[in-house]
Protein backbone atom coordinates (compact mmCIF):
# COMPACT_ATOMS: atom_id res chain seq x y z
CA MET A 1 -11.93 35.27 20.97
CA ALA A 2 -10.86 38.13 18.75
CA GLU A 3 -10.82 37.52 15.00
CA HIS A 4 -7.11 38.34 14.70
CA ASP A 5 -6.31 35.49 17.13
CA LEU A 6 -7.58 32.97 14.57
CA ASN A 7 -4.89 34.00 12.08
CA LEU A 8 -2.00 32.67 14.15
CA PRO A 9 0.56 30.70 12.14
CA HIS A 10 0.05 27.42 14.01
CA ILE A 11 -3.70 27.61 13.41
CA SER A 12 -3.45 28.37 9.70
CA MET A 13 -0.79 25.67 9.27
CA THR A 14 -2.94 23.09 11.05
CA GLU A 15 -5.96 24.09 8.96
CA THR A 16 -3.95 23.69 5.76
CA VAL A 17 -2.50 20.31 6.72
CA LEU A 18 -5.97 19.13 7.76
CA ARG A 19 -7.38 20.28 4.41
CA PHE A 20 -4.53 18.38 2.68
CA TYR A 21 -5.53 15.15 4.42
CA VAL A 22 -9.22 15.80 3.68
CA PHE A 23 -8.42 16.06 -0.03
CA LEU A 24 -6.28 12.90 0.06
CA GLY A 25 -9.17 11.10 1.75
CA GLN A 26 -11.58 12.44 -0.84
CA TYR A 27 -9.27 11.19 -3.59
CA ILE A 28 -9.56 7.69 -2.19
CA ASP A 29 -13.34 8.11 -1.76
CA ARG A 30 -13.59 9.18 -5.41
CA CYS A 31 -11.79 5.99 -6.46
CA LEU A 32 -13.99 3.71 -4.42
CA ASP A 33 -17.37 5.35 -4.97
CA GLU A 34 -18.91 6.59 -8.21
CA GLU A 35 -21.16 9.02 -6.31
CA HIS A 36 -18.12 10.84 -4.91
CA ARG A 37 -16.66 11.15 -8.41
CA ARG A 38 -19.83 12.78 -9.65
CA SER A 39 -19.95 15.30 -6.79
CA LEU A 40 -17.18 17.46 -8.29
CA PRO A 41 -15.62 17.42 -11.77
CA GLU A 42 -12.28 15.60 -11.76
CA GLN A 43 -10.32 18.56 -13.13
CA GLU A 44 -11.69 20.86 -10.43
CA PHE A 45 -10.96 18.31 -7.71
CA GLN A 46 -7.40 17.79 -8.97
CA GLN A 47 -6.88 21.55 -9.00
CA HIS A 48 -7.99 21.84 -5.35
CA LEU A 49 -5.75 18.92 -4.39
CA ALA A 50 -2.73 20.38 -6.21
CA THR A 51 -3.27 23.83 -4.71
CA THR A 52 -3.53 22.43 -1.20
CA HIS A 53 -0.46 20.26 -1.78
CA ASP A 54 1.50 23.31 -2.91
CA GLN A 55 0.35 25.25 0.17
CA VAL A 56 1.47 22.45 2.49
CA VAL A 57 4.86 22.22 0.79
CA GLU A 58 5.30 25.97 1.09
CA LEU A 59 4.24 26.09 4.74
CA LEU A 60 6.58 23.26 5.67
CA THR A 61 9.71 24.57 3.96
CA THR A 62 11.27 25.26 7.35
CA ASN A 63 10.76 21.67 8.50
CA ARG A 64 12.24 19.34 5.91
CA VAL A 65 11.38 16.14 7.79
CA VAL A 66 7.65 16.88 8.02
CA LYS A 67 7.61 18.33 4.51
CA ASP A 68 9.18 15.12 3.18
CA LYS A 69 6.64 13.00 5.07
CA ALA A 70 3.77 14.99 3.60
CA GLU A 71 5.26 14.64 0.12
CA VAL A 72 5.70 10.88 0.54
CA GLU A 73 2.08 10.61 1.71
CA PHE A 74 0.89 12.65 -1.27
CA GLN A 75 2.87 10.54 -3.77
CA HIS A 76 1.78 7.30 -2.09
CA VAL A 77 -1.94 8.11 -2.13
CA THR A 78 -1.95 9.54 -5.64
CA ALA A 79 -0.02 6.52 -6.99
CA MET A 80 -2.40 4.08 -5.26
CA CYS A 81 -5.43 5.93 -6.63
CA GLN A 82 -4.03 6.06 -10.16
CA ASP A 83 -3.21 2.34 -10.04
CA TYR A 84 -6.66 1.51 -8.75
CA LEU A 85 -8.38 3.55 -11.44
CA LYS A 86 -6.45 1.62 -14.10
CA ASP A 87 -7.81 -1.68 -12.71
CA PRO A 88 -10.76 -0.97 -10.40
CA GLY A 89 -11.74 -4.64 -10.22
CA SER A 90 -8.79 -5.60 -8.04
CA GLY A 91 -9.98 -6.58 -4.57
CA ASP A 92 -6.48 -6.30 -3.16
CA GLN A 93 -6.12 -2.69 -4.28
CA SER A 94 -9.55 -1.90 -2.88
CA ARG A 95 -8.61 -3.32 0.53
CA VAL A 96 -5.36 -1.31 0.52
CA LEU A 97 -7.28 1.87 -0.34
CA HIS A 98 -9.78 1.23 2.47
CA LYS A 99 -6.90 0.71 4.91
CA GLU A 100 -5.20 3.91 3.74
CA ARG A 101 -8.51 5.77 4.04
CA GLU A 102 -8.79 4.70 7.66
CA ILE A 103 -5.25 5.92 8.35
CA LEU A 104 -6.15 9.29 6.83
CA ARG A 105 -9.36 9.40 8.87
CA VAL A 106 -7.38 9.01 12.11
CA LYS A 107 -4.95 11.74 11.04
CA MET A 108 -7.85 14.06 10.21
CA LEU A 109 -9.52 13.42 13.58
CA THR A 110 -6.26 14.11 15.38
CA LEU A 111 -5.61 17.32 13.47
CA SER A 112 -9.21 18.43 13.95
CA ASP A 113 -8.92 17.92 17.71
CA LEU A 114 -5.60 19.76 17.77
CA LEU A 115 -7.12 22.62 15.81
CA ALA A 116 -9.99 22.82 18.31
CA VAL A 117 -7.48 23.06 21.16
CA PHE A 118 -5.49 25.76 19.36
CA ARG A 119 -8.64 27.78 18.77
CA SER A 120 -9.75 27.47 22.40
CA VAL A 121 -6.61 29.01 23.90
């Protein structure tokens, strides 16, 4: 496949949305596991997350419904993570984060498969 074919809008959009979900998943991982927090300084991680969030919002400006869903997901995950970090001993919050992490994992697998299909045609 020619290099220019990989720069199609649907491919770059899918890559960006996938990266967005990867960062949201990593945010949860960082809350639940000290080793993940040490892998990248918090400020640098937050910068990557914010940049990717901004890219998703920009890419989805033409589709308000999907843009709003992505924004709700972003706000939901960041609020859950911030709440958990205030009181990391809460078993209920930990279970909710694990459940949310699994939801993100399924979304990432789906987007990854879709991206593979896009790249193969």
